Amino acid sequence: MNKSFEDYYYGLRLDYEKTKFHLSKNSCGVIRFKSEDAPQILVIPTSEDIDYPFTAQGFTSGNNGKLGIPEWNLLRRVKFNEGDEIWEVSNDGKEILRAIYSKEDKKFIIIK
């Protein structure tokens, strides 16, 4: 289970060349949601044109002692539901709830 930004960084293999993700940022955002549509629209990505660390096996390759994690592609966009969340996850594992989805406003509302 991912517990820190470093876990996400290496587990998702965000350490590739020319990445926009850097551990020096000290944190990342994570969207947590539930969807009844997800099982029907999730597929394991496959392609012969994508190089390592892509595995085409349903899991990222992992790096730096971190296990690979499930990797899926959505066939279409997921509709967010009331109460879905955006969390900030730090290098030290601290998590802070930053926003909650408002169905009425059709957007994530930042928590102050």
PDB file of N, CA and C in Angstrom:
ATOM      1  N   MET A   1       0.844  -1.184   0.000  1.00  0.00           N
ATOM      2  CA  MET A   1       0.000   0.000   0.000  1.00  0.00           C
ATOM      3  C   MET A   1       0.887   1.244   0.000  1.00  0.00           C
ATOM      4  N   ASN A   2       0.512   2.220  -0.780  1.00  0.00           N
ATOM      5  CA  ASN A   2       1.277   3.469  -0.832  1.00  0.00           C
ATOM      6  C   ASN A   2       1.007   4.282   0.426  1.00  0.00           C
ATOM      7  N   LYS A   3       2.099   4.746   1.029  1.00  0.00           N
ATOM      8  CA  LYS A   3       1.968   5.496   2.264  1.00  0.00           C
ATOM      9  C   LYS A   3       2.594   6.869   2.175  1.00  0.00           C
ATOM     10  N   SER A   4       3.411   7.101   1.174  1.00  0.00           N
ATOM     11  CA  SER A   4       4.100   8.386   1.046  1.00  0.00           C
ATOM     12  C   SER A   4       4.215   8.764  -0.427  1.00  0.00           C
ATOM     13  N   PHE A   5       4.571  10.022  -0.671  1.00  0.00           N
ATOM     14  CA  PHE A   5       4.809  10.456  -2.046  1.00  0.00           C
ATOM     15  C   PHE A   5       5.901   9.591  -2.672  1.00  0.00           C
ATOM     16  N   GLU A   6       6.922   9.240  -1.916  1.00  0.00           N
ATOM     17  CA  GLU A   6       8.000   8.403  -2.449  1.00  0.00           C
ATOM     18  C   GLU A   6       7.454   7.049  -2.902  1.00  0.00           C
ATOM     19  N   ASP A   7       6.522   6.462  -2.143  1.00  0.00           N
ATOM     20  CA  ASP A   7       5.902   5.200  -2.550  1.00  0.00           C
ATOM     21  C   ASP A   7       5.175   5.356  -3.886  1.00  0.00           C
ATOM     22  N   TYR A   8       4.388   6.425  -4.027  1.00  0.00           N
ATOM     23  CA  TYR A   8       3.704   6.685  -5.297  1.00  0.00           C
ATOM     24  C   TYR A   8       4.714   6.937  -6.417  1.00  0.00           C
ATOM     25  N   TYR A   9       5.715   7.747  -6.122  1.00  0.00           N
ATOM     26  CA  TYR A   9       6.715   8.145  -7.118  1.00  0.00           C
ATOM     27  C   TYR A   9       7.403   6.924  -7.731  1.00  0.00           C
ATOM     28  N   TYR A  10       7.909   6.039  -6.886  1.00  0.00           N
ATOM     29  CA  TYR A  10       8.614   4.865  -7.413  1.00  0.00           C
ATOM     30  C   TYR A  10       7.655   3.744  -7.801  1.00  0.00           C
ATOM     31  N   GLY A  11       6.543   3.587  -7.090  1.00  0.00           N
ATOM     32  CA  GLY A  11       5.584   2.534  -7.434  1.00  0.00           C
ATOM     33  C   GLY A  11       4.904   2.785  -8.770  1.00  0.00           C
ATOM     34  N   LEU A  12       4.600   4.059  -9.066  1.00  0.00           N
ATOM     35  CA  LEU A  12       3.984   4.419 -10.347  1.00  0.00           C
ATOM     36  C   LEU A  12       5.020   4.682 -11.436  1.00  0.00           C
ATOM     37  N   ARG A  13       6.294   4.630 -11.080  1.00  0.00           N
ATOM     38  CA  ARG A  13       7.414   4.891 -11.984  1.00  0.00           C
ATOM     39  C   ARG A  13       7.341   6.301 -12.567  1.00  0.00           C
ATOM     40  N   LEU A  14       7.155   7.261 -11.668  1.00  0.00           N
ATOM     41  CA  LEU A  14       7.145   8.665 -12.064  1.00  0.00           C
ATOM     42  C   LEU A  14       8.567   9.217 -12.168  1.00  0.00           C
ATOM     43  N   ASP A  15       9.557   8.330 -12.085  1.00  0.00           N
ATOM     44  CA  ASP A  15      10.963   8.719 -12.139  1.00  0.00           C
ATOM     45  C   ASP A  15      11.544   8.680 -13.559  1.00  0.00           C
ATOM     46  N   TYR A  16      10.685   8.610 -14.568  1.00  0.00           N
ATOM     47  CA  TYR A  16      11.172   8.531 -15.941  1.00  0.00           C
ATOM     48  C   TYR A  16      11.775   9.858 -16.408  1.00  0.00           C
ATOM     49  N   GLU A  17      12.524   9.791 -17.494  1.00  0.00           N
ATOM     50  CA  GLU A  17      13.182  10.978 -18.037  1.00  0.00           C
ATOM     51  C   GLU A  17      12.146  12.020 -18.457  1.00  0.00           C
ATOM     52  N   LYS A  18      12.435  13.271 -18.210  1.00  0.00           N
ATOM     53  CA  LYS A  18      11.585  14.416 -18.554  1.00  0.00           C
ATOM     54  C   LYS A  18      10.245  14.422 -17.802  1.00  0.00           C
ATOM     55  N   THR A  19      10.194  13.787 -16.643  1.00  0.00           N
ATOM     56  CA  THR A  19       8.975  13.771 -15.845  1.00  0.00           C
ATOM     57  C   THR A  19       8.680  15.157 -15.266  1.00  0.00           C
ATOM     58  N   LYS A  20       7.414  15.419 -15.006  1.00  0.00           N
ATOM     59  CA  LYS A  20       7.018  16.654 -14.325  1.00  0.00           C
ATOM     60  C   LYS A  20       6.945  16.426 -12.819  1.00  0.00           C
ATOM     61  N   PHE A  21       7.175  15.172 -12.386  1.00  0.00           N
ATOM     62  CA  PHE A  21       7.106  14.818 -10.976  1.00  0.00           C
ATOM     63  C   PHE A  21       8.515  14.740 -10.399  1.00  0.00           C
ATOM     64  N   HIS A  22       8.715  15.333  -9.236  1.00  0.00           N
ATOM     65  CA  HIS A  22      10.033  15.323  -8.599  1.00  0.00           C
ATOM     66  C   HIS A  22       9.866  15.186  -7.094  1.00  0.00           C
ATOM     67  N   LEU A  23      10.652  14.308  -6.494  1.00  0.00           N
ATOM     68  CA  LEU A  23      10.578  14.119  -5.044  1.00  0.00           C
ATOM     69  C   LEU A  23      10.880  15.394  -4.289  1.00  0.00           C
ATOM     70  N   SER A  24      11.641  16.295  -4.906  1.00  0.00           N
ATOM     71  CA  SER A  24      11.968  17.556  -4.233  1.00  0.00           C
ATOM     72  C   SER A  24      10.727  18.427  -4.009  1.00  0.00           C
ATOM     73  N   LYS A  25       9.626  18.121  -4.680  1.00  0.00           N
ATOM     74  CA  LYS A  25       8.367  18.855  -4.460  1.00  0.00           C
ATOM     75  C   LYS A  25       7.764  18.502  -3.107  1.00  0.00           C
ATOM     76  N   ASN A  26       8.209  17.371  -2.530  1.00  0.00           N
ATOM     77  CA  ASN A  26       7.832  16.914  -1.189  1.00  0.00           C
ATOM     78  C   ASN A  26       6.417  16.372  -1.043  1.00  0.00           C
ATOM     79  N   SER A  27       5.564  16.464  -2.084  1.00  0.00           N
ATOM     80  CA  SER A  27       4.217  15.915  -1.975  1.00  0.00           C
ATOM     81  C   SER A  27       3.592  15.760  -3.359  1.00  0.00           C
ATOM     82  N   CYS A  28       2.479  15.039  -3.382  1.00  0.00           N
ATOM     83  CA  CYS A  28       1.709  14.878  -4.620  1.00  0.00           C
ATOM     84  C   CYS A  28       0.230  14.864  -4.260  1.00  0.00           C
ATOM     85  N   GLY A  29      -0.617  15.023  -5.263  1.00  0.00           N
ATOM     86  CA  GLY A  29      -2.056  14.957  -5.063  1.00  0.00           C
ATOM     87  C   GLY A  29      -2.586  13.592  -5.451  1.00  0.00           C
ATOM     88  N   VAL A  30      -3.553  13.099  -4.686  1.00  0.00           N
ATOM     89  CA  VAL A  30      -4.170  11.806  -4.945  1.00  0.00           C
ATOM     90  C   VAL A  30      -5.682  11.995  -4.930  1.00  0.00           C
ATOM     91  N   ILE A  31      -6.361  11.581  -6.006  1.00  0.00           N
ATOM     92  CA  ILE A  31      -7.820  11.647  -6.058  1.00  0.00           C
ATOM     93  C   ILE A  31      -8.363  10.304  -5.599  1.00  0.00           C
ATOM     94  N   ARG A  32      -9.243  10.330  -4.634  1.00  0.00           N
ATOM     95  CA  ARG A  32      -9.861   9.105  -4.112  1.00  0.00           C
ATOM     96  C   ARG A  32     -11.355   9.186  -4.387  1.00  0.00           C
ATOM     97  N   PHE A  33     -11.861   8.172  -5.099  1.00  0.00           N
ATOM     98  CA  PHE A  33     -13.272   8.164  -5.477  1.00  0.00           C
ATOM     99  C   PHE A  33     -13.768   6.739  -5.613  1.00  0.00           C
ATOM    100  N   LYS A  34     -15.080   6.578  -5.586  1.00  0.00           N
ATOM    101  CA  LYS A  34     -15.728   5.302  -5.849  1.00  0.00           C
ATOM    102  C   LYS A  34     -16.591   5.481  -7.090  1.00  0.00           C
ATOM    103  N   SER A  35     -16.675   4.413  -7.875  1.00  0.00           N
ATOM    104  CA  SER A  35     -17.478   4.491  -9.089  1.00  0.00           C
ATOM    105  C   SER A  35     -18.084   3.131  -9.396  1.00  0.00           C
ATOM    106  N   GLU A  36     -19.391   3.121  -9.622  1.00  0.00           N
ATOM    107  CA  GLU A  36     -20.043   1.882 -10.033  1.00  0.00           C
ATOM    108  C   GLU A  36     -19.677   1.529 -11.472  1.00  0.00           C
ATOM    109  N   ASP A  37     -19.262   2.512 -12.267  1.00  0.00           N
ATOM    110  CA  ASP A  37     -18.890   2.278 -13.658  1.00  0.00           C
ATOM    111  C   ASP A  37     -17.485   1.696 -13.806  1.00  0.00           C
ATOM    112  N   ALA A  38     -16.628   1.924 -12.816  1.00  0.00           N
ATOM    113  CA  ALA A  38     -15.213   1.584 -12.951  1.00  0.00           C
ATOM    114  C   ALA A  38     -14.950   0.143 -13.377  1.00  0.00           C
ATOM    115  N   PRO A  39     -15.579  -0.871 -12.786  1.00  0.00           N
ATOM    116  CA  PRO A  39     -15.226  -2.232 -13.218  1.00  0.00           C
ATOM    117  C   PRO A  39     -15.465  -2.480 -14.710  1.00  0.00           C
ATOM    118  N   GLN A  40     -16.477  -1.839 -15.267  1.00  0.00           N
ATOM    119  CA  GLN A  40     -16.801  -2.061 -16.678  1.00  0.00           C
ATOM    120  C   GLN A  40     -15.905  -1.261 -17.627  1.00  0.00           C
ATOM    121  N   ILE A  41     -15.296  -0.191 -17.138  1.00  0.00           N
ATOM    122  CA  ILE A  41     -14.530   0.666 -18.048  1.00  0.00           C
ATOM    123  C   ILE A  41     -13.025   0.623 -17.796  1.00  0.00           C
ATOM    124  N   LEU A  42     -12.570  -0.221 -16.856  1.00  0.00           N
ATOM    125  CA  LEU A  42     -11.141  -0.356 -16.595  1.00  0.00           C
ATOM    126  C   LEU A  42     -10.553  -1.470 -17.453  1.00  0.00           C
ATOM    127  N   VAL A  43      -9.454  -1.175 -18.124  1.00  0.00           N
ATOM    128  CA  VAL A  43      -8.752  -2.189 -18.910  1.00  0.00           C
ATOM    129  C   VAL A  43      -7.262  -2.113 -18.589  1.00  0.00           C
ATOM    130  N   ILE A  44      -6.581  -3.229 -18.742  1.00  0.00           N
ATOM    131  CA  ILE A  44      -5.128  -3.241 -18.595  1.00  0.00           C
ATOM    132  C   ILE A  44      -4.543  -2.654 -19.877  1.00  0.00           C
ATOM    133  N   PRO A  45      -3.754  -1.586 -19.762  1.00  0.00           N
ATOM    134  CA  PRO A  45      -3.188  -0.982 -20.974  1.00  0.00           C
ATOM    135  C   PRO A  45      -2.174  -1.913 -21.629  1.00  0.00           C
ATOM    136  N   THR A  46      -2.244  -2.004 -22.936  1.00  0.00           N
ATOM    137  CA  THR A  46      -1.283  -2.802 -23.693  1.00  0.00           C
ATOM    138  C   THR A  46      -0.863  -2.015 -24.923  1.00  0.00           C
ATOM    139  N   SER A  47       0.379  -2.157 -25.284  1.00  0.00           N
ATOM    140  CA  SER A  47       0.894  -1.518 -26.483  1.00  0.00           C
ATOM    141  C   SER A  47       2.303  -2.032 -26.739  1.00  0.00           C
ATOM    142  N   GLU A  48       2.641  -2.201 -27.994  1.00  0.00           N
ATOM    143  CA  GLU A  48       4.007  -2.588 -28.338  1.00  0.00           C
ATOM    144  C   GLU A  48       4.894  -1.368 -28.515  1.00  0.00           C
ATOM    145  N   ASP A  49       4.288  -0.187 -28.519  1.00  0.00           N
ATOM    146  CA  ASP A  49       5.029   1.044 -28.783  1.00  0.00           C
ATOM    147  C   ASP A  49       5.516   1.750 -27.527  1.00  0.00           C
ATOM    148  N   ILE A  50       5.218   1.207 -26.352  1.00  0.00           N
ATOM    149  CA  ILE A  50       5.620   1.851 -25.109  1.00  0.00           C
ATOM    150  C   ILE A  50       6.786   1.087 -24.500  1.00  0.00           C
ATOM    151  N   ASP A  51       7.822   1.814 -24.113  1.00  0.00           N
ATOM    152  CA  ASP A  51       9.029   1.198 -23.580  1.00  0.00           C
ATOM    153  C   ASP A  51       8.975   1.018 -22.062  1.00  0.00           C
ATOM    154  N   TYR A  52       9.939   0.239 -21.559  1.00  0.00           N
ATOM    155  CA  TYR A  52      10.114   0.064 -20.125  1.00  0.00           C
ATOM    156  C   TYR A  52      10.206   1.443 -19.491  1.00  0.00           C
ATOM    157  N   PRO A  53       9.562   1.700 -18.352  1.00  0.00           N
ATOM    158  CA  PRO A  53       9.098   0.762 -17.340  1.00  0.00           C
ATOM    159  C   PRO A  53       7.685   0.219 -17.525  1.00  0.00           C
ATOM    160  N   PHE A  54       7.025   0.532 -18.648  1.00  0.00           N
ATOM    161  CA  PHE A  54       5.703  -0.020 -18.924  1.00  0.00           C
ATOM    162  C   PHE A  54       5.831  -1.533 -19.084  1.00  0.00           C
ATOM    163  N   THR A  55       4.942  -2.303 -18.418  1.00  0.00           N
ATOM    164  CA  THR A  55       5.058  -3.761 -18.446  1.00  0.00           C
ATOM    165  C   THR A  55       3.983  -4.460 -19.275  1.00  0.00           C
ATOM    166  N   ALA A  56       2.848  -3.806 -19.528  1.00  0.00           N
ATOM    167  CA  ALA A  56       1.705  -4.407 -20.235  1.00  0.00           C
ATOM    168  C   ALA A  56       1.177  -5.643 -19.499  1.00  0.00           C
ATOM    169  N   GLN A  57       1.445  -5.758 -18.204  1.00  0.00           N
ATOM    170  CA  GLN A  57       0.998  -6.887 -17.397  1.00  0.00           C
ATOM    171  C   GLN A  57      -0.042  -6.491 -16.351  1.00  0.00           C
ATOM    172  N   GLY A  58      -0.423  -5.202 -16.330  1.00  0.00           N
ATOM    173  CA  GLY A  58      -1.403  -4.741 -15.362  1.00  0.00           C
ATOM    174  C   GLY A  58      -0.796  -4.163 -14.095  1.00  0.00           C
ATOM    175  N   PHE A  59       0.536  -4.170 -14.006  1.00  0.00           N
ATOM    176  CA  PHE A  59       1.239  -3.590 -12.868  1.00  0.00           C
ATOM    177  C   PHE A  59       2.413  -2.766 -13.387  1.00  0.00           C
ATOM    178  N   THR A  60       2.703  -1.654 -12.708  1.00  0.00           N
ATOM    179  CA  THR A  60       3.907  -0.903 -13.047  1.00  0.00           C
ATOM    180  C   THR A  60       5.111  -1.735 -12.621  1.00  0.00           C
ATOM    181  N   SER A  61       6.279  -1.406 -13.132  1.00  0.00           N
ATOM    182  CA  SER A  61       7.468  -2.201 -12.831  1.00  0.00           C
ATOM    183  C   SER A  61       8.039  -1.923 -11.450  1.00  0.00           C
ATOM    184  N   GLY A  62       7.709  -0.800 -10.843  1.00  0.00           N
ATOM    185  CA  GLY A  62       8.269  -0.450  -9.541  1.00  0.00           C
ATOM    186  C   GLY A  62       9.755  -0.143  -9.667  1.00  0.00           C
ATOM    187  N   ASN A  63      10.311   0.522  -8.673  1.00  0.00           N
ATOM    188  CA  ASN A  63      11.724   0.888  -8.696  1.00  0.00           C
ATOM    189  C   ASN A  63      12.151   1.244  -7.277  1.00  0.00           C
ATOM    190  N   ASN A  64      13.455   1.234  -7.048  1.00  0.00           N
ATOM    191  CA  ASN A  64      14.028   1.686  -5.779  1.00  0.00           C
ATOM    192  C   ASN A  64      13.437   0.932  -4.582  1.00  0.00           C
ATOM    193  N   GLY A  65      13.216  -0.374  -4.766  1.00  0.00           N
ATOM    194  CA  GLY A  65      12.697  -1.204  -3.686  1.00  0.00           C
ATOM    195  C   GLY A  65      11.196  -1.110  -3.480  1.00  0.00           C
ATOM    196  N   LYS A  66      10.497  -0.345  -4.310  1.00  0.00           N
ATOM    197  CA  LYS A  66       9.037  -0.208  -4.200  1.00  0.00           C
ATOM    198  C   LYS A  66       8.380  -1.190  -5.164  1.00  0.00           C
ATOM    199  N   LEU A  67       7.335  -1.855  -4.701  1.00  0.00           N
ATOM    200  CA  LEU A  67       6.619  -2.789  -5.555  1.00  0.00           C
ATOM    201  C   LEU A  67       5.825  -2.035  -6.606  1.00  0.00           C
ATOM    202  N   GLY A  68       5.663  -2.655  -7.773  1.00  0.00           N
ATOM    203  CA  GLY A  68       4.782  -2.092  -8.781  1.00  0.00           C
ATOM    204  C   GLY A  68       3.351  -2.125  -8.267  1.00  0.00           C
ATOM    205  N   ILE A  69       2.524  -1.252  -8.803  1.00  0.00           N
ATOM    206  CA  ILE A  69       1.136  -1.194  -8.361  1.00  0.00           C
ATOM    207  C   ILE A  69       0.209  -1.386  -9.561  1.00  0.00           C
ATOM    208  N   PRO A  70      -1.062  -1.725  -9.328  1.00  0.00           N
ATOM    209  CA  PRO A  70      -1.977  -1.938 -10.452  1.00  0.00           C
ATOM    210  C   PRO A  70      -2.012  -0.728 -11.388  1.00  0.00           C
ATOM    211  N   GLU A  71      -2.042  -1.030 -12.672  1.00  0.00           N
ATOM    212  CA  GLU A  71      -2.065   0.024 -13.690  1.00  0.00           C
ATOM    213  C   GLU A  71      -3.232  -0.250 -14.632  1.00  0.00           C
ATOM    214  N   TRP A  72      -4.156   0.702 -14.707  1.00  0.00           N
ATOM    215  CA  TRP A  72      -5.322   0.555 -15.562  1.00  0.00           C
ATOM    216  C   TRP A  72      -5.493   1.775 -16.449  1.00  0.00           C
ATOM    217  N   ASN A  73      -6.279   1.603 -17.482  1.00  0.00           N
ATOM    218  CA  ASN A  73      -6.670   2.690 -18.364  1.00  0.00           C
ATOM    219  C   ASN A  73      -8.194   2.743 -18.357  1.00  0.00           C
ATOM    220  N   LEU A  74      -8.743   3.937 -18.340  1.00  0.00           N
ATOM    221  CA  LEU A  74     -10.194   4.103 -18.379  1.00  0.00           C
ATOM    222  C   LEU A  74     -10.654   4.257 -19.821  1.00  0.00           C
ATOM    223  N   LEU A  75     -11.669   3.510 -20.212  1.00  0.00           N
ATOM    224  CA  LEU A  75     -12.215   3.609 -21.564  1.00  0.00           C
ATOM    225  C   LEU A  75     -12.967   4.914 -21.781  1.00  0.00           C
ATOM    226  N   ARG A  76     -13.457   5.495 -20.711  1.00  0.00           N
ATOM    227  CA  ARG A  76     -14.113   6.808 -20.780  1.00  0.00           C
ATOM    228  C   ARG A  76     -13.941   7.490 -19.428  1.00  0.00           C
ATOM    229  N   ARG A  77     -14.265   8.746 -19.385  1.00  0.00           N
ATOM    230  CA  ARG A  77     -14.120   9.529 -18.144  1.00  0.00           C
ATOM    231  C   ARG A  77     -15.051   9.011 -17.054  1.00  0.00           C
ATOM    232  N   VAL A  78     -14.596   9.114 -15.848  1.00  0.00           N
ATOM    233  CA  VAL A  78     -15.403   8.755 -14.691  1.00  0.00           C
ATOM    234  C   VAL A  78     -16.107  10.009 -14.191  1.00  0.00           C
ATOM    235  N   LYS A  79     -17.370   9.881 -13.852  1.00  0.00           N
ATOM    236  CA  LYS A  79     -18.100  11.005 -13.262  1.00  0.00           C
ATOM    237  C   LYS A  79     -17.850  10.974 -11.761  1.00  0.00           C
ATOM    238  N   PHE A  80     -17.382  12.103 -11.239  1.00  0.00           N
ATOM    239  CA  PHE A  80     -17.153  12.182  -9.806  1.00  0.00           C
ATOM    240  C   PHE A  80     -18.487  12.307  -9.077  1.00  0.00           C
ATOM    241  N   ASN A  81     -18.492  11.812  -7.847  1.00  0.00           N
ATOM    242  CA  ASN A  81     -19.683  11.837  -7.004  1.00  0.00           C
ATOM    243  C   ASN A  81     -19.487  12.785  -5.827  1.00  0.00           C
ATOM    244  N   GLU A  82     -20.582  13.211  -5.272  1.00  0.00           N
ATOM    245  CA  GLU A  82     -20.555  14.038  -4.068  1.00  0.00           C
ATOM    246  C   GLU A  82     -19.647  13.397  -3.023  1.00  0.00           C
ATOM    247  N   GLY A  83     -18.693  14.166  -2.526  1.00  0.00           N
ATOM    248  CA  GLY A  83     -17.824  13.683  -1.455  1.00  0.00           C
ATOM    249  C   GLY A  83     -16.520  13.056  -1.900  1.00  0.00           C
ATOM    250  N   ASP A  84     -16.306  12.851  -3.206  1.00  0.00           N
ATOM    251  CA  ASP A  84     -15.001  12.354  -3.658  1.00  0.00           C
ATOM    252  C   ASP A  84     -13.932  13.346  -3.218  1.00  0.00           C
ATOM    253  N   GLU A  85     -12.700  12.862  -3.044  1.00  0.00           N
ATOM    254  CA  GLU A  85     -11.697  13.673  -2.345  1.00  0.00           C
ATOM    255  C   GLU A  85     -10.376  13.800  -3.097  1.00  0.00           C
ATOM    256  N   ILE A  86      -9.691  14.914  -2.855  1.00  0.00           N
ATOM    257  CA  ILE A  86      -8.303  15.095  -3.280  1.00  0.00           C
ATOM    258  C   ILE A  86      -7.472  15.252  -2.011  1.00  0.00           C
ATOM    259  N   TRP A  87      -6.453  14.419  -1.884  1.00  0.00           N
ATOM    260  CA  TRP A  87      -5.556  14.427  -0.723  1.00  0.00           C
ATOM    261  C   TRP A  87      -4.160  14.823  -1.160  1.00  0.00           C
ATOM    262  N   GLU A  88      -3.448  15.542  -0.316  1.00  0.00           N
ATOM    263  CA  GLU A  88      -2.029  15.803  -0.513  1.00  0.00           C
ATOM    264  C   GLU A  88      -1.266  14.774   0.321  1.00  0.00           C
ATOM    265  N   VAL A  89      -0.364  14.034  -0.339  1.00  0.00           N
ATOM    266  CA  VAL A  89       0.436  13.013   0.336  1.00  0.00           C
ATOM    267  C   VAL A  89       1.889  13.460   0.306  1.00  0.00           C
ATOM    268  N   SER A  90       2.506  13.553   1.478  1.00  0.00           N
ATOM    269  CA  SER A  90       3.871  14.064   1.612  1.00  0.00           C
ATOM    270  C   SER A  90       4.899  12.940   1.616  1.00  0.00           C
ATOM    271  N   ASN A  91       6.165  13.330   1.460  1.00  0.00           N
ATOM    272  CA  ASN A  91       7.262  12.360   1.514  1.00  0.00           C
ATOM    273  C   ASN A  91       7.278  11.613   2.841  1.00  0.00           C
ATOM    274  N   ASP A  92       6.871  12.265   3.927  1.00  0.00           N
ATOM    275  CA  ASP A  92       6.901  11.624   5.247  1.00  0.00           C
ATOM    276  C   ASP A  92       5.639  10.794   5.521  1.00  0.00           C
ATOM    277  N   GLY A  93       4.727  10.701   4.548  1.00  0.00           N
ATOM    278  CA  GLY A  93       3.526   9.907   4.700  1.00  0.00           C
ATOM    279  C   GLY A  93       2.331  10.668   5.254  1.00  0.00           C
ATOM    280  N   LYS A  94       2.521  11.921   5.615  1.00  0.00           N
ATOM    281  CA  LYS A  94       1.408  12.732   6.125  1.00  0.00           C
ATOM    282  C   LYS A  94       0.406  12.980   4.992  1.00  0.00           C
ATOM    283  N   GLU A  95      -0.876  12.851   5.316  1.00  0.00           N
ATOM    284  CA  GLU A  95      -1.942  13.090   4.343  1.00  0.00           C
ATOM    285  C   GLU A  95      -2.834  14.221   4.829  1.00  0.00           C
ATOM    286  N   ILE A  96      -3.129  15.154   3.916  1.00  0.00           N
ATOM    287  CA  ILE A  96      -4.003  16.281   4.244  1.00  0.00           C
ATOM    288  C   ILE A  96      -5.115  16.334   3.200  1.00  0.00           C
ATOM    289  N   LEU A  97      -6.362  16.330   3.656  1.00  0.00           N
ATOM    290  CA  LEU A  97      -7.507  16.463   2.751  1.00  0.00           C
ATOM    291  C   LEU A  97      -7.524  17.890   2.218  1.00  0.00           C
ATOM    292  N   ARG A  98      -7.444  18.048   0.888  1.00  0.00           N
ATOM    293  CA  ARG A  98      -7.358  19.376   0.281  1.00  0.00           C
ATOM    294  C   ARG A  98      -8.637  19.829  -0.418  1.00  0.00           C
ATOM    295  N   ALA A  99      -9.450  18.879  -0.928  1.00  0.00           N
ATOM    296  CA  ALA A  99     -10.665  19.285  -1.649  1.00  0.00           C
ATOM    297  C   ALA A  99     -11.683  18.149  -1.648  1.00  0.00           C
ATOM    298  N   ILE A 100     -12.959  18.535  -1.722  1.00  0.00           N
ATOM    299  CA  ILE A 100     -14.063  17.577  -1.786  1.00  0.00           C
ATOM    300  C   ILE A 100     -14.947  17.958  -2.975  1.00  0.00           C
ATOM    301  N   TYR A 101     -15.381  16.931  -3.721  1.00  0.00           N
ATOM    302  CA  TYR A 101     -16.200  17.186  -4.904  1.00  0.00           C
ATOM    303  C   TYR A 101     -17.623  17.565  -4.520  1.00  0.00           C
ATOM    304  N   SER A 102     -18.122  18.638  -5.150  1.00  0.00           N
ATOM    305  CA  SER A 102     -19.494  19.086  -4.981  1.00  0.00           C
ATOM    306  C   SER A 102     -20.244  18.803  -6.278  1.00  0.00           C
ATOM    307  N   LYS A 103     -21.214  17.915  -6.219  1.00  0.00           N
ATOM    308  CA  LYS A 103     -22.003  17.590  -7.408  1.00  0.00           C
ATOM    309  C   LYS A 103     -22.797  18.809  -7.865  1.00  0.00           C
ATOM    310  N   GLU A 104     -23.297  19.587  -6.914  1.00  0.00           N
ATOM    311  CA  GLU A 104     -24.064  20.788  -7.242  1.00  0.00           C
ATOM    312  C   GLU A 104     -23.204  21.799  -8.013  1.00  0.00           C
ATOM    313  N   ASP A 105     -21.966  22.008  -7.558  1.00  0.00           N
ATOM    314  CA  ASP A 105     -21.059  22.954  -8.211  1.00  0.00           C
ATOM    315  C   ASP A 105     -20.294  22.338  -9.390  1.00  0.00           C
ATOM    316  N   LYS A 106     -20.345  21.001  -9.500  1.00  0.00           N
ATOM    317  CA  LYS A 106     -19.665  20.258 -10.564  1.00  0.00           C
ATOM    318  C   LYS A 106     -18.160  20.504 -10.555  1.00  0.00           C
ATOM    319  N   LYS A 107     -17.579  20.545  -9.332  1.00  0.00           N
ATOM    320  CA  LYS A 107     -16.130  20.746  -9.201  1.00  0.00           C
ATOM    321  C   LYS A 107     -15.680  20.399  -7.796  1.00  0.00           C
ATOM    322  N   PHE A 108     -14.370  20.276  -7.649  1.00  0.00           N
ATOM    323  CA  PHE A 108     -13.787  20.057  -6.334  1.00  0.00           C
ATOM    324  C   PHE A 108     -13.706  21.406  -5.624  1.00  0.00           C
ATOM    325  N   ILE A 109     -14.135  21.421  -4.375  1.00  0.00           N
ATOM    326  CA  ILE A 109     -14.123  22.622  -3.557  1.00  0.00           C
ATOM    327  C   ILE A 109     -12.926  22.523  -2.603  1.00  0.00           C
ATOM    328  N   ILE A 110     -12.051  23.499  -2.645  1.00  0.00           N
ATOM    329  CA  ILE A 110     -10.855  23.501  -1.803  1.00  0.00           C
ATOM    330  C   ILE A 110     -11.246  23.711  -0.350  1.00  0.00           C
ATOM    331  N   ILE A 111     -10.640  22.911   0.515  1.00  0.00           N
ATOM    332  CA  ILE A 111     -10.854  23.038   1.957  1.00  0.00           C
ATOM    333  C   ILE A 111      -9.808  23.982   2.513  1.00  0.00           C
ATOM    334  N   LYS A 112     -10.267  24.921   3.324  1.00  0.00           N
ATOM    335  CA  LYS A 112      -9.337  25.903   3.881  1.00  0.00           C
ATOM    336  C   LYS A 112      -8.872  25.497   5.248  1.00  0.00           C
TER     337      LYS A 112
END
